[in-house]
Amino acid sequence: GSLPKWVVNRVSQFVAPKAMKKIYKAGLKYPEWKRKHDPGYKPWVYPEQNTLPSVSLTELSVQHADSLENIDETGLPE
């Protein structure tokens, strides 16, 4: 589905600015929070700190949008 233009306009005028203000306020508090919560843990800077399992490149495949239309999801739990 598509959204009516008036819905998109209303959201962009009211909801988006409020969300940005909340994100901004949270960002201001982040340095103090990080000082208290493991300040040396930065896996985006130091990959050796990453504890997530790696994915092999051979397990990845390219999917095209037209092939995604015919996926049978009837047996999947919600």
Protein backbone atom coordinates (compact mmCIF):
# COMPACT_ATOMS: atom_id res chain seq x y z
CA GLY A 1 0.00 0.00 0.00
CA SER A 2 0.65 3.59 -0.54
CA LEU A 3 -0.18 6.37 1.84
CA PRO A 4 -2.27 9.41 0.92
CA LYS A 5 -0.26 12.56 0.38
CA TRP A 6 -1.95 14.31 3.31
CA VAL A 7 -0.76 11.57 5.68
CA VAL A 8 2.82 11.90 4.48
CA ASN A 9 2.65 15.70 4.78
CA ARG A 10 1.17 15.53 8.29
CA VAL A 11 3.80 13.06 9.46
CA SER A 12 6.64 15.07 7.97
CA GLN A 13 5.36 18.24 9.65
CA PHE A 14 4.71 16.91 13.16
CA VAL A 15 6.03 13.43 13.84
CA ALA A 16 9.42 13.75 12.14
CA PRO A 17 10.47 16.96 13.98
CA LYS A 18 9.46 15.46 17.34
CA ALA A 19 11.45 12.33 16.61
CA MET A 20 14.49 14.39 15.61
CA LYS A 21 14.28 16.40 18.85
CA LYS A 22 14.22 13.19 20.90
CA ILE A 23 17.17 11.77 18.96
CA TYR A 24 19.08 15.03 19.47
CA LYS A 25 18.43 15.03 23.23
CA ALA A 26 19.51 11.40 23.49
CA GLY A 27 22.68 12.21 21.55
CA LEU A 28 23.56 14.96 24.00
CA LYS A 29 23.38 12.49 26.88
CA TYR A 30 25.37 9.74 25.09
CA PRO A 31 28.94 10.81 26.05
CA GLU A 32 28.08 10.72 29.77
CA TRP A 33 26.25 7.40 29.39
CA LYS A 34 29.18 5.87 27.48
CA ARG A 35 31.64 6.97 30.18
CA LYS A 36 29.63 4.92 32.69
CA HIS A 37 28.99 1.91 30.43
CA ASP A 38 32.16 0.19 29.16
CA PRO A 39 33.83 3.16 27.44
CA GLY A 40 36.48 0.98 25.81
CA TYR A 41 33.99 -1.29 24.06
CA LYS A 42 33.80 -0.06 20.47
CA PRO A 43 33.44 -3.01 18.08
CA TRP A 44 32.81 -0.63 15.18
CA VAL A 45 36.35 0.70 15.73
CA TYR A 46 38.02 -2.49 17.06
CA PRO A 47 36.62 -5.51 15.16
CA GLU A 48 38.37 -7.92 17.54
CA GLN A 49 35.86 -6.88 20.22
CA ASN A 50 32.96 -8.18 18.12
CA THR A 51 31.39 -11.27 19.69
CA LEU A 52 28.82 -11.89 16.96
CA PRO A 53 29.31 -14.95 14.75
CA SER A 54 30.73 -14.24 11.31
CA VAL A 55 28.82 -15.06 8.15
CA SER A 56 30.70 -16.80 5.40
CA LEU A 57 30.56 -15.08 2.02
CA THR A 58 29.61 -18.41 0.46
CA GLU A 59 26.38 -18.38 2.51
CA LEU A 60 25.30 -15.08 0.99
CA SER A 61 23.42 -14.83 -2.27
CA VAL A 62 22.07 -12.02 -4.38
CA GLN A 63 18.29 -11.81 -4.41
CA HIS A 64 16.42 -9.85 -7.00
CA ALA A 65 13.13 -8.15 -6.19
CA ASP A 66 11.15 -10.15 -8.75
CA SER A 67 12.19 -13.43 -7.12
CA LEU A 68 10.94 -12.25 -3.72
CA GLU A 69 7.34 -12.08 -4.90
CA ASN A 70 6.98 -15.86 -5.07
CA ILE A 71 8.21 -16.79 -1.59
CA ASP A 72 5.92 -19.22 0.24
CA GLU A 73 5.63 -18.09 3.86
CA THR A 74 2.56 -20.15 4.79
CA GLY A 75 4.55 -22.53 7.03
CA LEU A 76 6.31 -19.80 9.02
CA PRO A 77 5.24 -18.98 12.57
CA GLU A 78 4.14 -15.41 13.22
